[in-house]
Amino acid sequence: MKRKLPKEPSKTGMILTAVSGVSLGVLIGSFLLLRQAPMRGNQSSTADRIGDYAAHYSPGAIASAESATFKSRISRLGRQIPGSIPFTEMEINHYLSQFKSSDTTEDGEPANVTITSPNVRIESDHFVLSTKMVFNPKKDRFEVLVQASGHFENVEDGVRMKIDRLLLNSLPVPQIGGLVNGLFQSNASIFPLPTEVKSSLGAIREIELLEDQVVLVL
Protein backbone atom coordinates (compact mmCIF):
# COMPACT_ATOMS: atom_id res chain seq x y z
CA MET A 1 0.00 0.00 0.00
CA LYS A 2 1.40 3.29 -1.04
CA ARG A 3 1.86 5.86 1.68
CA LYS A 4 0.38 9.22 0.81
CA LEU A 5 2.79 12.08 0.94
CA PRO A 6 1.73 14.99 3.14
CA LYS A 7 0.30 17.90 1.25
CA GLU A 8 2.44 20.97 0.98
CA PRO A 9 0.98 23.83 2.99
CA SER A 10 -0.85 26.39 0.92
CA LYS A 11 0.34 29.97 0.70
CA THR A 12 -2.80 31.13 2.47
CA GLY A 13 -2.19 28.71 5.33
CA MET A 14 1.41 29.82 5.66
CA ILE A 15 0.39 33.48 5.72
CA LEU A 16 -2.31 32.84 8.35
CA THR A 17 0.15 30.88 10.48
CA ALA A 18 2.71 33.68 10.26
CA VAL A 19 0.12 36.35 11.10
CA SER A 20 -1.13 34.31 14.05
CA GLY A 21 2.42 33.93 15.36
CA VAL A 22 3.16 37.63 15.01
CA SER A 23 -0.16 38.59 16.64
CA LEU A 24 0.49 36.27 19.56
CA GLY A 25 3.97 37.72 19.96
CA VAL A 26 2.60 41.27 19.92
CA LEU A 27 -0.04 40.41 22.53
CA ILE A 28 2.49 38.74 24.83
CA GLY A 29 4.96 41.61 24.40
CA SER A 30 2.26 44.21 25.06
CA PHE A 31 1.14 42.38 28.21
CA LEU A 32 4.70 42.22 29.52
CA LEU A 33 5.28 45.93 28.85
CA LEU A 34 2.00 46.82 30.53
CA ARG A 35 3.09 44.85 33.58
CA GLN A 36 6.56 46.47 33.56
CA ALA A 37 6.59 49.52 35.85
CA PRO A 38 8.70 52.47 34.63
CA MET A 39 12.15 52.92 36.11
CA ARG A 40 12.71 55.97 38.27
CA GLY A 41 15.19 58.45 36.78
CA ASN A 42 16.26 59.74 33.38
CA GLN A 43 16.74 57.32 30.51
CA SER A 44 20.27 58.62 29.93
CA SER A 45 21.32 57.47 33.40
CA THR A 46 20.46 53.85 32.55
CA ALA A 47 21.23 53.87 28.83
CA ASP A 48 24.14 51.48 29.29
CA ARG A 49 21.88 48.75 30.69
CA ILE A 50 21.56 46.15 27.94
CA GLY A 51 18.14 44.56 27.48
CA ASP A 52 16.25 47.26 29.41
CA TYR A 53 12.86 47.79 27.76
CA ALA A 54 11.26 49.58 30.70
CA ALA A 55 10.10 53.16 30.31
CA HIS A 56 11.54 55.83 32.60
CA TYR A 57 9.76 58.18 34.99
CA SER A 58 11.17 61.45 36.22
CA PRO A 59 8.47 63.51 38.00
CA GLY A 60 8.33 67.28 38.05
CA ALA A 61 9.27 69.22 41.18
CA ILE A 62 6.56 70.23 43.68
CA ALA A 63 6.65 73.37 45.81
CA SER A 64 6.07 72.89 49.53
CA ALA A 65 3.79 75.93 49.69
CA GLU A 66 1.90 78.25 47.37
CA SER A 67 3.97 81.17 46.12
CA ALA A 68 2.99 84.67 47.19
CA THR A 69 2.13 85.82 43.65
CA PHE A 70 0.38 82.68 42.33
CA LYS A 71 -3.18 83.87 42.98
CA SER A 72 -2.47 87.33 41.56
CA ARG A 73 -1.23 85.78 38.30
CA ILE A 74 -4.28 83.51 38.16
CA SER A 75 -6.41 86.64 38.66
CA ARG A 76 -4.60 88.40 35.79
CA LEU A 77 -5.36 85.42 33.62
CA GLY A 78 -9.01 85.45 34.62
CA ARG A 79 -9.31 89.16 33.79
CA GLN A 80 -7.48 88.48 30.50
CA ILE A 81 -4.98 91.30 30.96
CA PRO A 82 -2.64 91.39 27.92
CA GLY A 83 0.95 90.35 28.55
CA SER A 84 3.04 87.36 29.58
CA ILE A 85 2.10 85.31 32.64
CA PRO A 86 4.65 82.69 33.79
CA PHE A 87 3.95 79.65 35.98
CA THR A 88 6.73 77.43 37.25
CA GLU A 89 6.71 73.65 37.30
CA MET A 90 6.80 73.70 41.10
CA GLU A 91 3.79 76.04 41.30
CA ILE A 92 1.72 74.00 38.88
CA ASN A 93 2.43 70.74 40.70
CA HIS A 94 1.68 72.28 44.09
CA TYR A 95 -1.73 73.29 42.74
CA LEU A 96 -2.34 69.85 41.19
CA SER A 97 -1.28 68.02 44.37
CA GLN A 98 -4.62 68.81 46.04
CA PHE A 99 -6.54 66.77 43.45
CA LYS A 100 -6.87 62.99 43.57
CA SER A 101 -9.72 60.52 43.48
CA SER A 102 -11.32 59.20 46.64
CA ASP A 103 -10.29 55.84 48.08
CA THR A 104 -13.95 55.00 48.73
CA THR A 105 -17.24 55.18 46.83
CA GLU A 106 -20.26 57.26 47.85
CA ASP A 107 -21.49 54.21 49.79
CA GLY A 108 -18.26 54.02 51.75
CA GLU A 109 -17.03 50.92 49.94
CA PRO A 110 -13.40 50.67 48.74
CA ALA A 111 -13.07 52.11 45.22
CA ASN A 112 -12.11 49.70 42.46
CA VAL A 113 -10.01 52.37 40.75
CA THR A 114 -8.16 55.30 42.30
CA ILE A 115 -6.21 58.05 40.53
CA THR A 116 -3.31 59.93 42.10
CA SER A 117 -2.65 63.64 41.76
CA PRO A 118 -1.45 64.69 38.28
CA ASN A 119 2.17 65.76 37.86
CA VAL A 120 3.85 67.90 35.19
CA ARG A 121 7.50 67.94 34.15
CA ILE A 122 8.43 70.88 31.93
CA GLU A 123 11.38 70.89 29.56
CA SER A 124 12.48 73.41 26.95
CA ASP A 125 10.67 71.75 24.03
CA HIS A 126 7.99 69.54 25.58
CA PHE A 127 6.10 68.61 28.74
CA VAL A 128 5.28 65.29 30.40
CA LEU A 129 1.93 65.01 32.15
CA SER A 130 1.50 61.93 34.33
CA THR A 131 -0.82 60.29 36.81
CA LYS A 132 -1.07 56.84 38.37
CA MET A 133 -4.18 54.67 38.15
CA VAL A 134 -4.51 51.96 40.79
CA PHE A 135 -6.92 49.08 40.06
CA ASN A 136 -8.34 46.96 42.90
CA PRO A 137 -6.21 48.71 45.54
CA LYS A 138 -7.61 46.57 48.40
CA LYS A 139 -7.55 43.19 46.62
CA ASP A 140 -5.43 42.35 43.58
CA ARG A 141 -3.57 45.67 43.35
CA PHE A 142 -2.36 46.67 39.89
CA GLU A 143 -0.78 50.06 39.13
CA VAL A 144 -0.60 51.76 35.75
CA LEU A 145 1.47 54.92 35.39
CA VAL A 146 0.09 57.04 32.54
CA GLN A 147 2.62 59.39 30.91
CA ALA A 148 1.63 61.79 28.14
CA SER A 149 4.48 63.64 26.44
CA GLY A 150 3.53 66.56 24.23
CA HIS A 151 4.12 70.10 23.07
CA PHE A 152 2.22 73.27 22.16
CA GLU A 153 1.76 74.61 18.64
CA ASN A 154 1.16 78.35 18.34
CA VAL A 155 -1.05 78.96 15.28
CA GLU A 156 -3.06 81.89 13.96
CA ASP A 157 -6.28 80.98 15.76
CA GLY A 158 -4.63 80.25 19.11
CA VAL A 159 -2.73 77.40 20.73
CA ARG A 160 -3.02 73.69 20.04
CA MET A 161 -1.75 71.00 22.36
CA LYS A 162 -0.32 67.91 20.68
CA ILE A 163 0.41 64.63 22.45
CA ASP A 164 3.45 63.00 20.86
CA ARG A 165 3.66 59.89 23.01
CA LEU A 166 1.41 58.08 25.47
CA LEU A 167 2.76 55.37 27.77
CA LEU A 168 0.83 52.95 29.98
CA ASN A 169 3.59 51.77 32.32
CA SER A 170 6.18 50.68 29.70
CA LEU A 171 3.64 50.06 26.92
CA PRO A 172 3.57 52.76 24.20
CA VAL A 173 0.12 53.42 22.74
CA PRO A 174 0.54 53.45 18.93
CA GLN A 175 -0.05 56.65 16.98
CA ILE A 176 -2.72 55.38 14.58
CA GLY A 177 -4.99 57.95 12.97
CA GLY A 178 -4.75 60.38 15.86
CA LEU A 179 -5.55 57.66 18.42
CA VAL A 180 -3.25 59.05 21.10
CA ASN A 181 -4.52 62.62 20.81
CA GLY A 182 -8.09 61.36 20.74
CA LEU A 183 -7.63 59.29 23.89
CA PHE A 184 -6.00 62.17 25.73
CA GLN A 185 -8.51 64.83 24.65
CA SER A 186 -11.47 62.62 25.58
CA ASN A 187 -10.07 62.15 29.10
CA ALA A 188 -8.55 65.61 29.60
CA SER A 189 -11.34 66.57 32.00
CA ILE A 190 -9.76 64.42 34.74
CA PHE A 191 -6.99 67.04 34.99
CA PRO A 192 -8.43 69.96 36.99
CA LEU A 193 -7.94 73.59 35.96
CA PRO A 194 -8.77 76.76 37.92
CA THR A 195 -12.03 78.40 36.81
CA GLU A 196 -10.09 81.47 35.68
CA VAL A 197 -7.91 79.33 33.43
CA LYS A 198 -10.86 77.51 31.83
CA SER A 199 -12.68 80.77 31.07
CA SER A 200 -9.53 82.31 29.55
CA LEU A 201 -8.26 79.49 27.36
CA GLY A 202 -9.59 81.19 24.22
CA ALA A 203 -7.70 84.40 25.05
CA ILE A 204 -4.27 82.72 25.19
CA ARG A 205 -2.46 83.60 21.95
CA GLU A 206 0.81 81.78 22.65
CA ILE A 207 2.35 79.30 25.07
CA GLU A 208 6.10 79.04 25.49
CA LEU A 209 7.91 76.29 27.39
CA LEU A 210 11.14 77.26 29.11
CA GLU A 211 13.41 75.15 31.32
CA ASP A 212 10.94 74.86 34.19
CA GLN A 213 8.22 77.33 33.24
CA VAL A 214 5.09 77.65 31.16
CA VAL A 215 4.65 81.20 29.87
CA LEU A 216 1.13 82.16 28.75
CA VAL A 217 0.85 85.14 26.40
CA LEU A 218 -2.48 86.97 26.23
C-alpha atoms as a PDB file:
ATOM      1  CA  MET A   1       0.000   0.000   0.000  1.00  0.00           C
ATOM      2  CA  LYS A   2       1.399   3.292  -1.041  1.00  0.00           C
ATOM      3  CA  ARG A   3       1.863   5.863   1.682  1.00  0.00           C
ATOM      4  CA  LYS A   4       0.380   9.222   0.810  1.00  0.00           C
ATOM      5  CA  LEU A   5       2.789  12.080   0.940  1.00  0.00           C
ATOM      6  CA  PRO A   6       1.732  14.987   3.145  1.00  0.00           C
ATOM      7  CA  LYS A   7       0.301  17.896   1.251  1.00  0.00           C
ATOM      8  CA  GLU A   8       2.438  20.974   0.980  1.00  0.00           C
ATOM      9  CA  PRO A   9       0.979  23.832   2.991  1.00  0.00           C
ATOM     10  CA  SER A  10      -0.854  26.391   0.919  1.00  0.00           C
ATOM     11  CA  LYS A  11       0.341  29.972   0.704  1.00  0.00           C
ATOM     12  CA  THR A  12      -2.798  31.129   2.469  1.00  0.00           C
ATOM     13  CA  GLY A  13      -2.190  28.712   5.328  1.00  0.00           C
ATOM     14  CA  MET A  14       1.409  29.815   5.655  1.00  0.00           C
ATOM     15  CA  ILE A  15       0.389  33.477   5.725  1.00  0.00           C
ATOM     16  CA  LEU A  16      -2.309  32.845   8.350  1.00  0.00           C
ATOM     17  CA  THR A  17       0.148  30.880  10.484  1.00  0.00           C
ATOM     18  CA  ALA A  18       2.710  33.678  10.258  1.00  0.00           C
ATOM     19  CA  VAL A  19       0.123  36.352  11.098  1.00  0.00           C
ATOM     20  CA  SER A  20      -1.128  34.312  14.051  1.00  0.00           C
ATOM     21  CA  GLY A  21       2.418  33.933  15.359  1.00  0.00           C
ATOM     22  CA  VAL A  22       3.162  37.627  15.011  1.00  0.00           C
ATOM     23  CA  SER A  23      -0.159  38.595  16.638  1.00  0.00           C
ATOM     24  CA  LEU A  24       0.490  36.275  19.562  1.00  0.00           C
ATOM     25  CA  GLY A  25       3.968  37.719  19.958  1.00  0.00           C
ATOM     26  CA  VAL A  26       2.604  41.268  19.924  1.00  0.00           C
ATOM     27  CA  LEU A  27      -0.041  40.410  22.534  1.00  0.00           C
ATOM     28  CA  ILE A  28       2.494  38.743  24.832  1.00  0.00           C
ATOM     29  CA  GLY A  29       4.963  41.611  24.399  1.00  0.00           C
ATOM     30  CA  SER A  30       2.256  44.215  25.064  1.00  0.00           C
ATOM     31  CA  PHE A  31       1.142  42.381  28.209  1.00  0.00           C
ATOM     32  CA  LEU A  32       4.697  42.217  29.516  1.00  0.00           C
ATOM     33  CA  LEU A  33       5.283  45.925  28.847  1.00  0.00           C
ATOM     34  CA  LEU A  34       1.998  46.821  30.527  1.00  0.00           C
ATOM     35  CA  ARG A  35       3.087  44.853  33.581  1.00  0.00           C
ATOM     36  CA  GLN A  36       6.557  46.466  33.558  1.00  0.00           C
ATOM     37  CA  ALA A  37       6.586  49.523  35.846  1.00  0.00           C
ATOM     38  CA  PRO A  38       8.698  52.468  34.628  1.00  0.00           C
ATOM     39  CA  MET A  39      12.147  52.921  36.109  1.00  0.00           C
ATOM     40  CA  ARG A  40      12.707  55.973  38.265  1.00  0.00           C
ATOM     41  CA  GLY A  41      15.189  58.448  36.778  1.00  0.00           C
ATOM     42  CA  ASN A  42      16.257  59.737  33.378  1.00  0.00           C
ATOM     43  CA  GLN A  43      16.741  57.323  30.510  1.00  0.00           C
ATOM     44  CA  SER A  44      20.275  58.618  29.925  1.00  0.00           C
ATOM     45  CA  SER A  45      21.321  57.472  33.401  1.00  0.00           C
ATOM     46  CA  THR A  46      20.460  53.849  32.546  1.00  0.00           C
ATOM     47  CA  ALA A  47      21.232  53.872  28.828  1.00  0.00           C
ATOM     48  CA  ASP A  48      24.145  51.475  29.290  1.00  0.00           C
ATOM     49  CA  ARG A  49      21.879  48.752  30.686  1.00  0.00           C
ATOM     50  CA  ILE A  50      21.556  46.148  27.936  1.00  0.00           C
ATOM     51  CA  GLY A  51      18.139  44.564  27.483  1.00  0.00           C
ATOM     52  CA  ASP A  52      16.252  47.258  29.409  1.00  0.00           C
ATOM     53  CA  TYR A  53      12.865  47.791  27.763  1.00  0.00           C
ATOM     54  CA  ALA A  54      11.260  49.584  30.704  1.00  0.00           C
ATOM     55  CA  ALA A  55      10.100  53.164  30.314  1.00  0.00           C
ATOM     56  CA  HIS A  56      11.538  55.832  32.600  1.00  0.00           C
ATOM     57  CA  TYR A  57       9.763  58.177  34.986  1.00  0.00           C
ATOM     58  CA  SER A  58      11.170  61.451  36.220  1.00  0.00           C
ATOM     59  CA  PRO A  59       8.469  63.509  38.003  1.00  0.00           C
ATOM     60  CA  GLY A  60       8.328  67.280  38.051  1.00  0.00           C
ATOM     61  CA  ALA A  61       9.266  69.221  41.184  1.00  0.00           C
ATOM     62  CA  ILE A  62       6.559  70.234  43.680  1.00  0.00           C
ATOM     63  CA  ALA A  63       6.646  73.375  45.806  1.00  0.00           C
ATOM     64  CA  SER A  64       6.072  72.893  49.527  1.00  0.00           C
ATOM     65  CA  ALA A  65       3.791  75.932  49.691  1.00  0.00           C
ATOM     66  CA  GLU A  66       1.899  78.248  47.367  1.00  0.00           C
ATOM     67  CA  SER A  67       3.974  81.173  46.118  1.00  0.00           C
ATOM     68  CA  ALA A  68       2.988  84.672  47.187  1.00  0.00           C
ATOM     69  CA  THR A  69       2.125  85.816  43.653  1.00  0.00           C
ATOM     70  CA  PHE A  70       0.376  82.678  42.329  1.00  0.00           C
ATOM     71  CA  LYS A  71      -3.176  83.871  42.984  1.00  0.00           C
ATOM     72  CA  SER A  72      -2.469  87.334  41.563  1.00  0.00           C
ATOM     73  CA  ARG A  73      -1.231  85.782  38.301  1.00  0.00           C
ATOM     74  CA  ILE A  74      -4.284  83.515  38.161  1.00  0.00           C
ATOM     75  CA  SER A  75      -6.410  86.639  38.658  1.00  0.00           C
ATOM     76  CA  ARG A  76      -4.601  88.397  35.788  1.00  0.00           C
ATOM     77  CA  LEU A  77      -5.359  85.415  33.620  1.00  0.00           C
ATOM     78  CA  GLY A  78      -9.006  85.452  34.624  1.00  0.00           C
ATOM     79  CA  ARG A  79      -9.307  89.163  33.788  1.00  0.00           C
ATOM     80  CA  GLN A  80      -7.475  88.477  30.500  1.00  0.00           C
ATOM     81  CA  ILE A  81      -4.979  91.301  30.961  1.00  0.00           C
ATOM     82  CA  PRO A  82      -2.641  91.391  27.922  1.00  0.00           C
ATOM     83  CA  GLY A  83       0.951  90.350  28.549  1.00  0.00           C
ATOM     84  CA  SER A  84       3.038  87.356  29.579  1.00  0.00           C
ATOM     85  CA  ILE A  85       2.098  85.310  32.636  1.00  0.00           C
ATOM     86  CA  PRO A  86       4.649  82.690  33.789  1.00  0.00           C
ATOM     87  CA  PHE A  87       3.948  79.654  35.980  1.00  0.00           C
ATOM     88  CA  THR A  88       6.735  77.430  37.246  1.00  0.00           C
ATOM     89  CA  GLU A  89       6.712  73.649  37.301  1.00  0.00           C
ATOM     90  CA  MET A  90       6.796  73.696  41.105  1.00  0.00           C
ATOM     91  CA  GLU A  91       3.793  76.045  41.304  1.00  0.00           C
ATOM     92  CA  ILE A  92       1.717  73.997  38.877  1.00  0.00           C
ATOM     93  CA  ASN A  93       2.431  70.740  40.702  1.00  0.00           C
ATOM     94  CA  HIS A  94       1.684  72.279  44.087  1.00  0.00           C
ATOM     95  CA  TYR A  95      -1.725  73.291  42.741  1.00  0.00           C
ATOM     96  CA  LEU A  96      -2.344  69.845  41.194  1.00  0.00           C
ATOM     97  CA  SER A  97      -1.277  68.019  44.373  1.00  0.00           C
ATOM     98  CA  GLN A  98      -4.617  68.808  46.036  1.00  0.00           C
ATOM     99  CA  PHE A  99      -6.544  66.766  43.455  1.00  0.00           C
ATOM    100  CA  LYS A 100      -6.865  62.987  43.569  1.00  0.00           C
ATOM    101  CA  SER A 101      -9.718  60.522  43.482  1.00  0.00           C
ATOM    102  CA  SER A 102     -11.321  59.204  46.644  1.00  0.00           C
ATOM    103  CA  ASP A 103     -10.295  55.838  48.076  1.00  0.00           C
ATOM    104  CA  THR A 104     -13.952  54.995  48.729  1.00  0.00           C
ATOM    105  CA  THR A 105     -17.239  55.182  46.826  1.00  0.00           C
ATOM    106  CA  GLU A 106     -20.257  57.264  47.851  1.00  0.00           C
ATOM    107  CA  ASP A 107     -21.493  54.211  49.791  1.00  0.00           C
ATOM    108  CA  GLY A 108     -18.257  54.021  51.746  1.00  0.00           C
ATOM    109  CA  GLU A 109     -17.033  50.918  49.944  1.00  0.00           C
ATOM    110  CA  PRO A 110     -13.402  50.672  48.739  1.00  0.00           C
ATOM    111  CA  ALA A 111     -13.071  52.110  45.219  1.00  0.00           C
ATOM    112  CA  ASN A 112     -12.111  49.700  42.460  1.00  0.00           C
ATOM    113  CA  VAL A 113     -10.009  52.373  40.745  1.00  0.00           C
ATOM    114  CA  THR A 114      -8.161  55.302  42.301  1.00  0.00           C
ATOM    115  CA  ILE A 115      -6.211  58.054  40.532  1.00  0.00           C
ATOM    116  CA  THR A 116      -3.309  59.929  42.100  1.00  0.00           C
ATOM    117  CA  SER A 117      -2.646  63.637  41.763  1.00  0.00           C
ATOM    118  CA  PRO A 118      -1.450  64.689  38.278  1.00  0.00           C
ATOM    119  CA  ASN A 119       2.166  65.761  37.856  1.00  0.00           C
ATOM    120  CA  VAL A 120       3.847  67.903  35.191  1.00  0.00           C
ATOM    121  CA  ARG A 121       7.496  67.945  34.148  1.00  0.00           C
ATOM    122  CA  ILE A 122       8.432  70.881  31.926  1.00  0.00           C
ATOM    123  CA  GLU A 123      11.375  70.893  29.556  1.00  0.00           C
ATOM    124  CA  SER A 124      12.478  73.407  26.945  1.00  0.00           C
ATOM    125  CA  ASP A 125      10.669  71.752  24.032  1.00  0.00           C
ATOM    126  CA  HIS A 126       7.986  69.537  25.584  1.00  0.00           C
ATOM    127  CA  PHE A 127       6.103  68.609  28.742  1.00  0.00           C
ATOM    128  CA  VAL A 128       5.278  65.293  30.395  1.00  0.00           C
ATOM    129  CA  LEU A 129       1.928  65.006  32.153  1.00  0.00           C
ATOM    130  CA  SER A 130       1.503  61.931  34.335  1.00  0.00           C
ATOM    131  CA  THR A 131      -0.819  60.285  36.812  1.00  0.00           C
ATOM    132  CA  LYS A 132      -1.070  56.840  38.366  1.00  0.00           C
ATOM    133  CA  MET A 133      -4.177  54.667  38.145  1.00  0.00           C
ATOM    134  CA  VAL A 134      -4.507  51.956  40.787  1.00  0.00           C
ATOM    135  CA  PHE A 135      -6.915  49.082  40.059  1.00  0.00           C
ATOM    136  CA  ASN A 136      -8.343  46.962  42.896  1.00  0.00           C
ATOM    137  CA  PRO A 137      -6.210  48.714  45.537  1.00  0.00           C
ATOM    138  CA  LYS A 138      -7.613  46.575  48.396  1.00  0.00           C
ATOM    139  CA  LYS A 139      -7.552  43.192  46.623  1.00  0.00           C
ATOM    140  CA  ASP A 140      -5.433  42.353  43.583  1.00  0.00           C
ATOM    141  CA  ARG A 141      -3.574  45.668  43.351  1.00  0.00           C
ATOM    142  CA  PHE A 142      -2.362  46.672  39.890  1.00  0.00           C
ATOM    143  CA  GLU A 143      -0.782  50.057  39.129  1.00  0.00           C
ATOM    144  CA  VAL A 144      -0.596  51.765  35.746  1.00  0.00           C
ATOM    145  CA  LEU A 145       1.470  54.924  35.387  1.00  0.00           C
ATOM    146  CA  VAL A 146       0.090  57.043  32.540  1.00  0.00           C
ATOM    147  CA  GLN A 147       2.618  59.394  30.913  1.00  0.00           C
ATOM    148  CA  ALA A 148       1.635  61.787  28.138  1.00  0.00           C
ATOM    149  CA  SER A 149       4.484  63.637  26.441  1.00  0.00           C
ATOM    150  CA  GLY A 150       3.533  66.564  24.233  1.00  0.00           C
ATOM    151  CA  HIS A 151       4.121  70.105  23.069  1.00  0.00           C
ATOM    152  CA  PHE A 152       2.221  73.272  22.156  1.00  0.00           C
ATOM    153  CA  GLU A 153       1.761  74.612  18.639  1.00  0.00           C
ATOM    154  CA  ASN A 154       1.158  78.352  18.339  1.00  0.00           C
ATOM    155  CA  VAL A 155      -1.052  78.957  15.285  1.00  0.00           C
ATOM    156  CA  GLU A 156      -3.057  81.895  13.963  1.00  0.00           C
ATOM    157  CA  ASP A 157      -6.276  80.985  15.755  1.00  0.00           C
ATOM    158  CA  GLY A 158      -4.629  80.251  19.112  1.00  0.00           C
ATOM    159  CA  VAL A 159      -2.733  77.397  20.730  1.00  0.00           C
ATOM    160  CA  ARG A 160      -3.019  73.694  20.043  1.00  0.00           C
ATOM    161  CA  MET A 161      -1.749  71.003  22.360  1.00  0.00           C
ATOM    162  CA  LYS A 162      -0.320  67.907  20.678  1.00  0.00           C
ATOM    163  CA  ILE A 163       0.410  64.631  22.451  1.00  0.00           C
ATOM    164  CA  ASP A 164       3.454  63.000  20.856  1.00  0.00           C
ATOM    165  CA  ARG A 165       3.655  59.889  23.011  1.00  0.00           C
ATOM    166  CA  LEU A 166       1.413  58.081  25.467  1.00  0.00           C
ATOM    167  CA  LEU A 167       2.756  55.374  27.770  1.00  0.00           C
ATOM    168  CA  LEU A 168       0.831  52.949  29.980  1.00  0.00           C
ATOM    169  CA  ASN A 169       3.594  51.765  32.315  1.00  0.00           C
ATOM    170  CA  SER A 170       6.175  50.682  29.696  1.00  0.00           C
ATOM    171  CA  LEU A 171       3.638  50.058  26.923  1.00  0.00           C
ATOM    172  CA  PRO A 172       3.567  52.765  24.203  1.00  0.00           C
ATOM    173  CA  VAL A 173       0.118  53.416  22.735  1.00  0.00           C
ATOM    174  CA  PRO A 174       0.539  53.448  18.930  1.00  0.00           C
ATOM    175  CA  GLN A 175      -0.055  56.652  16.983  1.00  0.00           C
ATOM    176  CA  ILE A 176      -2.720  55.384  14.580  1.00  0.00           C
ATOM    177  CA  GLY A 177      -4.987  57.951  12.969  1.00  0.00           C
ATOM    178  CA  GLY A 178      -4.748  60.380  15.859  1.00  0.00           C
ATOM    179  CA  LEU A 179      -5.548  57.660  18.419  1.00  0.00           C
ATOM    180  CA  VAL A 180      -3.249  59.050  21.103  1.00  0.00           C
ATOM    181  CA  ASN A 181      -4.517  62.622  20.811  1.00  0.00           C
ATOM    182  CA  GLY A 182      -8.091  61.359  20.743  1.00  0.00           C
ATOM    183  CA  LEU A 183      -7.629  59.290  23.891  1.00  0.00           C
ATOM    184  CA  PHE A 184      -6.000  62.172  25.729  1.00  0.00           C
ATOM    185  CA  GLN A 185      -8.506  64.825  24.646  1.00  0.00           C
ATOM    186  CA  SER A 186     -11.470  62.620  25.585  1.00  0.00           C
ATOM    187  CA  ASN A 187     -10.075  62.150  29.099  1.00  0.00           C
ATOM    188  CA  ALA A 188      -8.545  65.614  29.603  1.00  0.00           C
ATOM    189  CA  SER A 189     -11.341  66.570  32.001  1.00  0.00           C
ATOM    190  CA  ILE A 190      -9.758  64.418  34.743  1.00  0.00           C
ATOM    191  CA  PHE A 191      -6.994  67.043  34.993  1.00  0.00           C
ATOM    192  CA  PRO A 192      -8.432  69.963  36.985  1.00  0.00           C
ATOM    193  CA  LEU A 193      -7.944  73.589  35.964  1.00  0.00           C
ATOM    194  CA  PRO A 194      -8.773  76.761  37.918  1.00  0.00           C
ATOM    195  CA  THR A 195     -12.026  78.400  36.815  1.00  0.00           C
ATOM    196  CA  GLU A 196     -10.087  81.470  35.680  1.00  0.00           C
ATOM    197  CA  VAL A 197      -7.915  79.328  33.429  1.00  0.00           C
ATOM    198  CA  LYS A 198     -10.863  77.506  31.830  1.00  0.00           C
ATOM    199  CA  SER A 199     -12.677  80.770  31.068  1.00  0.00           C
ATOM    200  CA  SER A 200      -9.535  82.315  29.550  1.00  0.00           C
ATOM    201  CA  LEU A 201      -8.265  79.492  27.356  1.00  0.00           C
ATOM    202  CA  GLY A 202      -9.591  81.185  24.222  1.00  0.00           C
ATOM    203  CA  ALA A 203      -7.700  84.396  25.049  1.00  0.00           C
ATOM    204  CA  ILE A 204      -4.272  82.719  25.192  1.00  0.00           C
ATOM    205  CA  ARG A 205      -2.456  83.600  21.954  1.00  0.00           C
ATOM    206  CA  GLU A 206       0.806  81.782  22.646  1.00  0.00           C
ATOM    207  CA  ILE A 207       2.351  79.301  25.074  1.00  0.00           C
ATOM    208  CA  GLU A 208       6.100  79.036  25.495  1.00  0.00           C
ATOM    209  CA  LEU A 209       7.913  76.290  27.391  1.00  0.00           C
ATOM    210  CA  LEU A 210      11.137  77.263  29.113  1.00  0.00           C
ATOM    211  CA  GLU A 211      13.410  75.150  31.315  1.00  0.00           C
ATOM    212  CA  ASP A 212      10.943  74.862  34.191  1.00  0.00           C
ATOM    213  CA  GLN A 213       8.219  77.325  33.241  1.00  0.00           C
ATOM    214  CA  VAL A 214       5.091  77.651  31.165  1.00  0.00           C
ATOM    215  CA  VAL A 215       4.650  81.205  29.869  1.00  0.00           C
ATOM    216  CA  LEU A 216       1.132  82.163  28.746  1.00  0.00           C
ATOM    217  CA  VAL A 217       0.854  85.140  26.402  1.00  0.00           C
ATOM    218  CA  LEU A 218      -2.476  86.967  26.228  1.00  0.00           C
END
